[in-house]
Amino acid sequence: MSKATKTTNEVRNAIQNRRTVKKFKKEAVPTQQIIELLDTAVWAPNHKLREPWRFLLFTGNGRKKLAEAIDAEMGEDNKFSPNIMQVPSVMLVVLEEDPRQNIWDEDFAAVSALVQNFMLAAWSEDIGTFWVTKPFLYAPKFRKPLGIEAGEKIVGMIYMGYPDVIPSAKERTPAKDKLTLFE
């Protein structure tokens, strides 16, 4: 087997075997390891190397700040704040929005590719992730205490940690069933 074939198989395996993890062990992923994973993720394709992203990482006691921001929007009796304190690390991935629609679309795609890169790189190191989007991510009461400015979009919250439970695979529709081919 050639090196190119071996690498291709590793990439395919990582893509097909990655799972969304919702139950984590209590042990936190070291911050330095998360930074190294982000350094891999930033190799996402992005037009003209605009790098339209930034990250807010909440670990240890820092998760309280995130929980407080959720409480500010949803009230203290919400379901999400206690859950945040059970996840070892949570990262917000933020897009610097451009007012030009075509640039915005390219940048959103780049940030989404970065998130996928991060999740695959994490999986390759036995770290589970869960890409979360919730309505409160848009709320000023949530965004303000975290320093999320107007003109920025939170693309998602990434829960991460060492998996306690790895879900089984769910079937996907074969691509050929959704393919329109012009020859």
N, C-alpha and C. Protein backbone atom coordinates (compact mmCIF):
# COMPACT_ATOMS: atom_id res chain seq x y z
N MET A 1 0.84 -1.18 0.00
CA MET A 1 0.00 0.00 0.00
C MET A 1 0.89 1.24 0.00
N SER A 2 0.58 2.17 -0.87
CA SER A 2 1.36 3.40 -0.95
C SER A 2 1.03 4.30 0.24
N LYS A 3 1.93 5.25 0.51
CA LYS A 3 1.70 6.20 1.60
C LYS A 3 0.43 7.02 1.35
N ALA A 4 0.20 7.42 0.09
CA ALA A 4 -1.00 8.19 -0.25
C ALA A 4 -2.26 7.38 0.04
N THR A 5 -2.26 6.11 -0.31
CA THR A 5 -3.42 5.25 -0.06
C THR A 5 -3.64 5.10 1.44
N LYS A 6 -2.56 4.89 2.19
CA LYS A 6 -2.67 4.73 3.64
C LYS A 6 -3.27 6.00 4.26
N THR A 7 -2.78 7.16 3.84
CA THR A 7 -3.28 8.43 4.37
C THR A 7 -4.76 8.60 4.00
N THR A 8 -5.11 8.29 2.77
CA THR A 8 -6.51 8.41 2.34
C THR A 8 -7.39 7.53 3.20
N ASN A 9 -6.96 6.31 3.45
CA ASN A 9 -7.76 5.41 4.28
C ASN A 9 -7.89 5.94 5.70
N GLU A 10 -6.83 6.53 6.26
CA GLU A 10 -6.90 7.09 7.61
C GLU A 10 -7.90 8.24 7.66
N VAL A 11 -7.89 9.09 6.66
CA VAL A 11 -8.82 10.22 6.61
C VAL A 11 -10.25 9.70 6.49
N ARG A 12 -10.48 8.78 5.58
CA ARG A 12 -11.83 8.22 5.42
C ARG A 12 -12.30 7.55 6.71
N ASN A 13 -11.42 6.79 7.33
CA ASN A 13 -11.79 6.13 8.58
C ASN A 13 -12.15 7.14 9.66
N ALA A 14 -11.36 8.20 9.76
CA ALA A 14 -11.66 9.23 10.78
C ALA A 14 -13.02 9.86 10.51
N ILE A 15 -13.31 10.16 9.26
CA ILE A 15 -14.58 10.78 8.92
C ILE A 15 -15.75 9.83 9.21
N GLN A 16 -15.61 8.58 8.81
CA GLN A 16 -16.71 7.63 8.97
C GLN A 16 -16.88 7.13 10.40
N ASN A 17 -15.82 7.14 11.18
CA ASN A 17 -15.90 6.59 12.53
C ASN A 17 -16.14 7.63 13.63
N ARG A 18 -15.97 8.91 13.32
CA ARG A 18 -16.21 9.95 14.33
C ARG A 18 -17.67 9.91 14.76
N ARG A 19 -17.91 10.12 16.03
CA ARG A 19 -19.26 10.14 16.56
C ARG A 19 -19.47 11.41 17.38
N THR A 20 -20.70 11.84 17.44
CA THR A 20 -21.07 12.92 18.33
C THR A 20 -21.19 12.33 19.73
N VAL A 21 -20.42 12.87 20.65
CA VAL A 21 -20.38 12.35 22.02
C VAL A 21 -21.13 13.33 22.93
N LYS A 22 -22.06 12.79 23.71
CA LYS A 22 -22.85 13.62 24.61
C LYS A 22 -22.60 13.30 26.08
N LYS A 23 -21.90 12.20 26.34
CA LYS A 23 -21.59 11.81 27.72
C LYS A 23 -20.08 11.68 27.85
N PHE A 24 -19.53 12.49 28.76
CA PHE A 24 -18.09 12.58 28.92
C PHE A 24 -17.65 12.12 30.30
N LYS A 25 -16.42 11.64 30.36
CA LYS A 25 -15.78 11.40 31.65
C LYS A 25 -15.48 12.76 32.28
N LYS A 26 -15.25 12.79 33.57
CA LYS A 26 -15.02 14.07 34.26
C LYS A 26 -13.66 14.69 33.92
N GLU A 27 -12.68 13.87 33.56
CA GLU A 27 -11.33 14.34 33.27
C GLU A 27 -11.32 15.33 32.10
N ALA A 28 -10.72 16.47 32.32
CA ALA A 28 -10.66 17.50 31.29
C ALA A 28 -9.51 17.25 30.32
N VAL A 29 -9.73 17.65 29.08
CA VAL A 29 -8.66 17.64 28.08
C VAL A 29 -7.71 18.79 28.42
N PRO A 30 -6.42 18.55 28.46
CA PRO A 30 -5.49 19.65 28.77
C PRO A 30 -5.63 20.80 27.77
N THR A 31 -5.60 22.01 28.30
CA THR A 31 -5.75 23.20 27.45
C THR A 31 -4.72 23.22 26.33
N GLN A 32 -3.48 22.86 26.63
CA GLN A 32 -2.45 22.86 25.59
C GLN A 32 -2.81 21.92 24.44
N GLN A 33 -3.41 20.79 24.75
CA GLN A 33 -3.83 19.86 23.71
C GLN A 33 -4.94 20.46 22.85
N ILE A 34 -5.87 21.17 23.48
CA ILE A 34 -6.94 21.84 22.73
C ILE A 34 -6.34 22.88 21.80
N ILE A 35 -5.37 23.64 22.29
CA ILE A 35 -4.71 24.65 21.44
C ILE A 35 -4.02 23.98 20.26
N GLU A 36 -3.36 22.86 20.50
CA GLU A 36 -2.70 22.13 19.41
C GLU A 36 -3.73 21.62 18.40
N LEU A 37 -4.87 21.16 18.86
CA LEU A 37 -5.93 20.73 17.95
C LEU A 37 -6.45 21.92 17.13
N LEU A 38 -6.58 23.08 17.76
CA LEU A 38 -6.98 24.28 17.02
C LEU A 38 -5.93 24.66 15.99
N ASP A 39 -4.66 24.49 16.33
CA ASP A 39 -3.60 24.79 15.36
C ASP A 39 -3.69 23.88 14.14
N THR A 40 -4.22 22.69 14.31
CA THR A 40 -4.47 21.81 13.17
C THR A 40 -5.73 22.27 12.43
N ALA A 41 -6.77 22.60 13.18
CA ALA A 41 -8.06 22.97 12.59
C ALA A 41 -7.98 24.21 11.71
N VAL A 42 -7.08 25.14 12.04
CA VAL A 42 -7.01 26.39 11.27
C VAL A 42 -6.49 26.18 9.85
N TRP A 43 -6.13 24.96 9.51
CA TRP A 43 -5.73 24.65 8.14
C TRP A 43 -6.95 24.45 7.25
N ALA A 44 -8.12 24.81 7.74
CA ALA A 44 -9.35 24.75 6.93
C ALA A 44 -9.19 25.67 5.72
N PRO A 45 -9.79 25.27 4.59
CA PRO A 45 -9.73 26.18 3.44
C PRO A 45 -10.47 27.47 3.76
N ASN A 46 -9.82 28.60 3.48
CA ASN A 46 -10.50 29.88 3.65
C ASN A 46 -9.95 30.87 2.64
N HIS A 47 -10.87 31.43 1.87
CA HIS A 47 -10.52 32.28 0.75
C HIS A 47 -9.65 33.45 1.19
N LYS A 48 -8.56 33.65 0.49
CA LYS A 48 -7.61 34.74 0.73
C LYS A 48 -7.06 34.75 2.15
N LEU A 49 -7.09 33.60 2.80
CA LEU A 49 -6.58 33.45 4.18
C LEU A 49 -7.10 34.54 5.11
N ARG A 50 -8.41 34.79 5.03
CA ARG A 50 -9.00 35.81 5.92
C ARG A 50 -9.02 35.35 7.37
N GLU A 51 -9.02 34.03 7.59
CA GLU A 51 -9.05 33.49 8.95
C GLU A 51 -10.11 34.20 9.79
N PRO A 52 -11.37 34.06 9.42
CA PRO A 52 -12.45 34.85 10.04
C PRO A 52 -12.98 34.27 11.35
N TRP A 53 -12.11 33.71 12.17
CA TRP A 53 -12.57 33.01 13.38
C TRP A 53 -11.84 33.48 14.62
N ARG A 54 -12.49 33.22 15.74
CA ARG A 54 -11.84 33.33 17.03
C ARG A 54 -12.56 32.35 17.97
N PHE A 55 -11.96 32.11 19.13
CA PHE A 55 -12.43 31.04 20.00
C PHE A 55 -12.50 31.53 21.44
N LEU A 56 -13.51 31.07 22.17
CA LEU A 56 -13.62 31.29 23.60
C LEU A 56 -13.67 29.91 24.24
N LEU A 57 -12.70 29.59 25.08
CA LEU A 57 -12.60 28.27 25.69
C LEU A 57 -12.92 28.38 27.18
N PHE A 58 -13.81 27.51 27.63
CA PHE A 58 -14.25 27.48 29.02
C PHE A 58 -13.91 26.12 29.61
N THR A 59 -13.02 26.12 30.60
CA THR A 59 -12.63 24.88 31.28
C THR A 59 -12.63 25.14 32.78
N GLY A 60 -12.65 24.08 33.56
CA GLY A 60 -12.59 24.23 35.01
C GLY A 60 -13.61 25.23 35.50
N ASN A 61 -13.17 26.14 36.39
CA ASN A 61 -14.06 27.17 36.93
C ASN A 61 -14.52 28.17 35.88
N GLY A 62 -13.80 28.24 34.77
CA GLY A 62 -14.20 29.14 33.68
C GLY A 62 -15.56 28.80 33.10
N ARG A 63 -16.00 27.56 33.27
CA ARG A 63 -17.32 27.16 32.78
C ARG A 63 -18.43 27.93 33.50
N LYS A 64 -18.15 28.41 34.72
CA LYS A 64 -19.15 29.18 35.46
C LYS A 64 -19.51 30.46 34.71
N LYS A 65 -18.53 31.08 34.07
CA LYS A 65 -18.79 32.32 33.31
C LYS A 65 -19.77 32.02 32.17
N LEU A 66 -19.58 30.90 31.49
CA LEU A 66 -20.50 30.51 30.42
C LEU A 66 -21.89 30.20 30.99
N ALA A 67 -21.94 29.47 32.09
CA ALA A 67 -23.22 29.16 32.73
C ALA A 67 -23.94 30.45 33.15
N GLU A 68 -23.21 31.41 33.68
CA GLU A 68 -23.81 32.69 34.09
C GLU A 68 -24.36 33.44 32.89
N ALA A 69 -23.67 33.38 31.75
CA ALA A 69 -24.16 34.04 30.54
C ALA A 69 -25.46 33.38 30.06
N ILE A 70 -25.52 32.06 30.17
CA ILE A 70 -26.75 31.35 29.80
C ILE A 70 -27.87 31.75 30.76
N ASP A 71 -27.56 31.79 32.06
CA ASP A 71 -28.55 32.20 33.06
C ASP A 71 -29.06 33.62 32.79
N ALA A 72 -28.18 34.52 32.36
CA ALA A 72 -28.57 35.91 32.10
C ALA A 72 -29.66 35.96 31.04
N GLU A 73 -29.60 35.07 30.08
CA GLU A 73 -30.60 35.05 29.01
C GLU A 73 -31.81 34.20 29.37
N MET A 74 -31.59 33.05 29.96
CA MET A 74 -32.66 32.07 30.12
C MET A 74 -33.22 31.97 31.53
N GLY A 75 -32.62 32.65 32.48
CA GLY A 75 -33.05 32.52 33.87
C GLY A 75 -32.30 31.38 34.54
N GLU A 76 -32.25 31.43 35.84
CA GLU A 76 -31.44 30.47 36.59
C GLU A 76 -32.02 29.06 36.64
N ASP A 77 -33.27 28.88 36.24
CA ASP A 77 -33.88 27.55 36.30
C ASP A 77 -33.86 26.83 34.93
N ASN A 78 -32.95 27.22 34.05
CA ASN A 78 -32.87 26.59 32.73
C ASN A 78 -32.13 25.26 32.82
N LYS A 79 -32.25 24.45 31.77
CA LYS A 79 -31.62 23.13 31.72
C LYS A 79 -30.15 23.18 31.32
N PHE A 80 -29.75 24.24 30.64
CA PHE A 80 -28.44 24.24 30.00
C PHE A 80 -27.28 24.56 30.93
N SER A 81 -27.48 25.47 31.87
CA SER A 81 -26.38 25.85 32.77
C SER A 81 -25.84 24.68 33.56
N PRO A 82 -26.70 23.88 34.21
CA PRO A 82 -26.16 22.73 34.96
C PRO A 82 -25.43 21.75 34.03
N ASN A 83 -25.92 21.60 32.81
CA ASN A 83 -25.28 20.70 31.85
C ASN A 83 -23.88 21.19 31.50
N ILE A 84 -23.73 22.50 31.34
CA ILE A 84 -22.42 23.07 31.01
C ILE A 84 -21.38 22.69 32.06
N MET A 85 -21.79 22.66 33.31
CA MET A 85 -20.85 22.35 34.39
C MET A 85 -20.47 20.86 34.41
N GLN A 86 -21.20 20.04 33.66
CA GLN A 86 -20.89 18.61 33.57
C GLN A 86 -19.98 18.28 32.39
N VAL A 87 -19.84 19.23 31.48
CA VAL A 87 -18.98 19.02 30.30
C VAL A 87 -17.58 19.51 30.65
N PRO A 88 -16.55 18.69 30.43
CA PRO A 88 -15.19 19.09 30.83
C PRO A 88 -14.71 20.41 30.22
N SER A 89 -14.98 20.61 28.93
CA SER A 89 -14.56 21.85 28.26
C SER A 89 -15.60 22.22 27.22
N VAL A 90 -15.82 23.53 27.08
CA VAL A 90 -16.75 24.03 26.08
C VAL A 90 -16.06 25.18 25.35
N MET A 91 -16.18 25.17 24.03
CA MET A 91 -15.56 26.22 23.23
C MET A 91 -16.62 26.86 22.34
N LEU A 92 -16.65 28.19 22.34
CA LEU A 92 -17.46 28.92 21.37
C LEU A 92 -16.58 29.24 20.18
N VAL A 93 -17.11 28.98 19.00
CA VAL A 93 -16.40 29.31 17.76
C VAL A 93 -17.14 30.49 17.14
N VAL A 94 -16.42 31.60 16.97
CA VAL A 94 -17.03 32.86 16.58
C VAL A 94 -16.54 33.28 15.19
N LEU A 95 -17.49 33.66 14.35
CA LEU A 95 -17.22 34.15 12.99
C LEU A 95 -17.24 35.66 12.99
N GLU A 96 -16.21 36.26 12.43
CA GLU A 96 -16.20 37.71 12.19
C GLU A 96 -16.98 37.94 10.90
N GLU A 97 -18.18 38.51 11.03
CA GLU A 97 -19.07 38.64 9.89
C GLU A 97 -18.66 39.78 8.96
N ASP A 98 -18.75 39.52 7.68
CA ASP A 98 -18.49 40.52 6.65
C ASP A 98 -19.83 40.92 6.07
N PRO A 99 -20.09 42.21 5.84
CA PRO A 99 -21.39 42.62 5.32
C PRO A 99 -21.65 42.21 3.87
N ARG A 100 -20.60 41.86 3.13
CA ARG A 100 -20.79 41.42 1.74
C ARG A 100 -21.21 39.95 1.75
N GLN A 101 -22.37 39.66 1.16
CA GLN A 101 -22.95 38.31 1.26
C GLN A 101 -22.01 37.22 0.75
N ASN A 102 -21.35 37.44 -0.39
CA ASN A 102 -20.49 36.39 -0.92
C ASN A 102 -19.30 36.12 0.01
N ILE A 103 -18.75 37.17 0.62
CA ILE A 103 -17.64 37.00 1.57
C ILE A 103 -18.15 36.31 2.84
N TRP A 104 -19.34 36.73 3.31
CA TRP A 104 -19.95 36.10 4.49
C TRP A 104 -20.11 34.60 4.26
N ASP A 105 -20.65 34.24 3.09
CA ASP A 105 -20.86 32.82 2.78
C ASP A 105 -19.54 32.05 2.78
N GLU A 106 -18.52 32.63 2.14
CA GLU A 106 -17.20 31.96 2.11
C GLU A 106 -16.64 31.81 3.52
N ASP A 107 -16.76 32.86 4.33
CA ASP A 107 -16.22 32.83 5.68
C ASP A 107 -16.98 31.85 6.58
N PHE A 108 -18.30 31.80 6.45
CA PHE A 108 -19.09 30.85 7.23
C PHE A 108 -18.70 29.42 6.86
N ALA A 109 -18.52 29.17 5.58
CA ALA A 109 -18.09 27.84 5.14
C ALA A 109 -16.71 27.51 5.71
N ALA A 110 -15.81 28.49 5.72
CA ALA A 110 -14.47 28.26 6.26
C ALA A 110 -14.52 27.93 7.75
N VAL A 111 -15.32 28.66 8.50
CA VAL A 111 -15.43 28.40 9.93
C VAL A 111 -16.06 27.03 10.17
N SER A 112 -17.05 26.67 9.37
CA SER A 112 -17.66 25.34 9.50
C SER A 112 -16.64 24.24 9.18
N ALA A 113 -15.81 24.46 8.17
CA ALA A 113 -14.75 23.50 7.86
C ALA A 113 -13.76 23.41 9.01
N LEU A 114 -13.45 24.54 9.63
CA LEU A 114 -12.55 24.54 10.79
C LEU A 114 -13.14 23.70 11.92
N VAL A 115 -14.44 23.85 12.18
CA VAL A 115 -15.07 23.07 13.24
C VAL A 115 -14.96 21.58 12.92
N GLN A 116 -15.24 21.19 11.68
CA GLN A 116 -15.12 19.79 11.30
C GLN A 116 -13.67 19.31 11.45
N ASN A 117 -12.71 20.13 11.03
CA ASN A 117 -11.30 19.77 11.21
C ASN A 117 -10.99 19.53 12.68
N PHE A 118 -11.47 20.44 13.53
CA PHE A 118 -11.22 20.32 14.97
C PHE A 118 -11.81 19.01 15.51
N MET A 119 -13.04 18.73 15.12
CA MET A 119 -13.70 17.53 15.62
C MET A 119 -12.99 16.25 15.15
N LEU A 120 -12.55 16.24 13.92
CA LEU A 120 -11.82 15.06 13.41
C LEU A 120 -10.46 14.93 14.08
N ALA A 121 -9.76 16.03 14.26
CA ALA A 121 -8.45 15.99 14.92
C ALA A 121 -8.62 15.53 16.37
N ALA A 122 -9.65 16.03 17.04
CA ALA A 122 -9.91 15.61 18.42
C ALA A 122 -10.21 14.11 18.47
N TRP A 123 -11.06 13.64 17.56
CA TRP A 123 -11.41 12.22 17.53
C TRP A 123 -10.17 11.35 17.34
N SER A 124 -9.24 11.84 16.52
CA SER A 124 -8.02 11.06 16.26
C SER A 124 -7.16 10.93 17.53
N GLU A 125 -7.46 11.76 18.54
CA GLU A 125 -6.73 11.71 19.82
C GLU A 125 -7.65 11.24 20.95
N ASP A 126 -8.71 10.50 20.57
CA ASP A 126 -9.64 9.90 21.54
C ASP A 126 -10.41 10.93 22.37
N ILE A 127 -10.67 12.07 21.76
CA ILE A 127 -11.45 13.12 22.40
C ILE A 127 -12.78 13.22 21.66
N GLY A 128 -13.88 13.18 22.42
CA GLY A 128 -15.20 13.30 21.82
C GLY A 128 -15.64 14.75 21.77
N THR A 129 -16.51 15.05 20.82
CA THR A 129 -17.03 16.41 20.67
C THR A 129 -18.52 16.36 20.34
N PHE A 130 -19.17 17.48 20.58
CA PHE A 130 -20.59 17.65 20.28
C PHE A 130 -20.76 19.10 19.84
N TRP A 131 -21.16 19.33 18.59
CA TRP A 131 -21.37 20.67 18.04
C TRP A 131 -22.79 21.08 18.38
N VAL A 132 -22.93 22.10 19.22
CA VAL A 132 -24.22 22.51 19.75
C VAL A 132 -24.58 23.91 19.21
N THR A 133 -25.81 24.06 18.77
CA THR A 133 -26.34 25.38 18.42
C THR A 133 -27.66 25.54 19.17
N LYS A 134 -27.83 26.67 19.81
CA LYS A 134 -29.03 26.94 20.59
C LYS A 134 -29.47 28.38 20.33
N PRO A 135 -30.77 28.67 20.46
CA PRO A 135 -31.25 30.04 20.24
C PRO A 135 -30.57 31.09 21.12
N PHE A 136 -30.19 30.73 22.35
CA PHE A 136 -29.60 31.74 23.23
C PHE A 136 -28.27 32.27 22.71
N LEU A 137 -27.63 31.58 21.77
CA LEU A 137 -26.36 32.05 21.21
C LEU A 137 -26.51 33.40 20.49
N TYR A 138 -27.74 33.74 20.12
CA TYR A 138 -28.02 35.00 19.42
C TYR A 138 -28.41 36.13 20.38
N ALA A 139 -28.67 35.80 21.63
CA ALA A 139 -29.27 36.75 22.57
C ALA A 139 -28.23 37.72 23.13
N PRO A 140 -28.55 39.03 23.12
CA PRO A 140 -27.62 40.02 23.67
C PRO A 140 -27.25 39.77 25.13
N LYS A 141 -28.20 39.29 25.95
CA LYS A 141 -27.90 39.04 27.36
C LYS A 141 -26.88 37.91 27.52
N PHE A 142 -26.85 36.99 26.59
CA PHE A 142 -25.85 35.92 26.61
C PHE A 142 -24.51 36.43 26.07
N ARG A 143 -24.55 37.15 24.97
CA ARG A 143 -23.35 37.55 24.24
C ARG A 143 -22.53 38.63 24.96
N LYS A 144 -23.22 39.62 25.54
CA LYS A 144 -22.52 40.77 26.12
C LYS A 144 -21.50 40.39 27.19
N PRO A 145 -21.86 39.57 28.20
CA PRO A 145 -20.85 39.27 29.23
C PRO A 145 -19.66 38.45 28.72
N LEU A 146 -19.81 37.87 27.53
CA LEU A 146 -18.72 37.07 26.96
C LEU A 146 -17.90 37.87 25.94
N GLY A 147 -18.29 39.12 25.70
CA GLY A 147 -17.54 39.96 24.77
C GLY A 147 -17.79 39.63 23.31
N ILE A 148 -18.94 39.04 23.01
CA ILE A 148 -19.31 38.78 21.61
C ILE A 148 -19.94 40.06 21.08
N GLU A 149 -19.32 40.63 20.08
CA GLU A 149 -19.71 41.94 19.57
C GLU A 149 -20.74 41.85 18.46
N ALA A 150 -21.38 42.98 18.19
CA ALA A 150 -22.21 43.09 16.99
C ALA A 150 -21.29 42.83 15.80
N GLY A 151 -21.78 42.16 14.80
CA GLY A 151 -20.93 41.82 13.65
C GLY A 151 -20.18 40.52 13.85
N GLU A 152 -20.50 39.78 14.90
CA GLU A 152 -19.92 38.46 15.12
C GLU A 152 -21.05 37.45 15.26
N LYS A 153 -20.84 36.28 14.74
CA LYS A 153 -21.81 35.18 14.83
C LYS A 153 -21.15 34.01 15.54
N ILE A 154 -21.84 33.46 16.52
CA ILE A 154 -21.36 32.24 17.16
C ILE A 154 -21.81 31.09 16.28
N VAL A 155 -20.86 30.43 15.64
CA VAL A 155 -21.17 29.33 14.74
C VAL A 155 -21.57 28.09 15.54
N GLY A 156 -21.06 27.98 16.74
CA GLY A 156 -21.48 26.86 17.58
C GLY A 156 -20.71 26.79 18.87
N MET A 157 -21.27 26.01 19.78
CA MET A 157 -20.58 25.64 21.01
C MET A 157 -20.09 24.21 20.78
N ILE A 158 -18.85 23.97 21.10
CA ILE A 158 -18.29 22.64 20.96
C ILE A 158 -18.05 22.09 22.36
N TYR A 159 -18.83 21.09 22.74
CA TYR A 159 -18.56 20.37 23.98
C TYR A 159 -17.44 19.40 23.67
N MET A 160 -16.53 19.20 24.61
CA MET A 160 -15.45 18.24 24.36
C MET A 160 -14.97 17.60 25.65
N GLY A 161 -14.50 16.38 25.50
CA GLY A 161 -13.95 15.64 26.61
C GLY A 161 -13.69 14.21 26.19
N TYR A 162 -13.24 13.43 27.14
CA TYR A 162 -13.01 12.01 26.86
C TYR A 162 -14.35 11.29 26.94
N PRO A 163 -14.69 10.53 25.91
CA PRO A 163 -16.01 9.89 25.87
C PRO A 163 -16.24 8.91 27.02
N ASP A 164 -17.40 9.01 27.62
CA ASP A 164 -17.86 8.01 28.58
C ASP A 164 -18.68 6.97 27.84
N VAL A 165 -19.45 7.44 26.85
CA VAL A 165 -20.26 6.57 25.99
C VAL A 165 -20.03 7.02 24.56
N ILE A 166 -19.74 6.05 23.68
CA ILE A 166 -19.61 6.33 22.25
C ILE A 166 -20.83 5.73 21.56
N PRO A 167 -21.66 6.58 20.97
CA PRO A 167 -22.86 6.06 20.31
C PRO A 167 -22.51 5.21 19.09
N SER A 168 -23.43 4.35 18.73
CA SER A 168 -23.21 3.55 17.52
C SER A 168 -23.50 4.42 16.29
N ALA A 169 -23.00 3.96 15.16
CA ALA A 169 -23.17 4.69 13.90
C ALA A 169 -24.64 4.67 13.47
N LYS A 170 -25.05 5.72 12.81
CA LYS A 170 -26.38 5.78 12.21
C LYS A 170 -26.19 5.79 10.70
N GLU A 171 -27.06 5.09 10.02
CA GLU A 171 -26.95 4.98 8.57
C GLU A 171 -27.02 6.35 7.90
N ARG A 172 -26.32 6.46 6.81
CA ARG A 172 -26.37 7.65 5.98
C ARG A 172 -26.94 7.26 4.62
N THR A 173 -27.61 8.19 3.98
CA THR A 173 -28.10 7.96 2.62
C THR A 173 -26.91 7.94 1.68
N PRO A 174 -26.79 6.92 0.84
CA PRO A 174 -25.67 6.91 -0.11
C PRO A 174 -25.71 8.16 -0.99
N ALA A 175 -24.53 8.71 -1.24
CA ALA A 175 -24.44 9.94 -2.04
C ALA A 175 -25.07 9.78 -3.41
N LYS A 176 -24.95 8.58 -4.00
CA LYS A 176 -25.51 8.37 -5.34
C LYS A 176 -27.01 8.59 -5.37
N ASP A 177 -27.68 8.42 -4.21
CA ASP A 177 -29.12 8.65 -4.14
C ASP A 177 -29.47 10.14 -4.15
N LYS A 178 -28.49 10.98 -3.97
CA LYS A 178 -28.72 12.42 -3.96
C LYS A 178 -27.90 13.14 -5.04
N LEU A 179 -27.38 12.35 -5.96
CA LEU A 179 -26.49 12.87 -6.99
C LEU A 179 -27.23 13.08 -8.30
N THR A 180 -27.07 14.26 -8.87
CA THR A 180 -27.49 14.52 -10.23
C THR A 180 -26.23 14.62 -11.06
N LEU A 181 -26.10 13.73 -12.01
CA LEU A 181 -24.86 13.64 -12.80
C LEU A 181 -25.09 14.16 -14.19
N PHE A 182 -24.23 15.04 -14.65
CA PHE A 182 -24.25 15.53 -16.02
C PHE A 182 -22.98 15.05 -16.69
N GLU A 183 -23.11 14.21 -17.72
CA GLU A 183 -21.92 13.71 -18.43
C GLU A 183 -21.93 14.16 -19.87
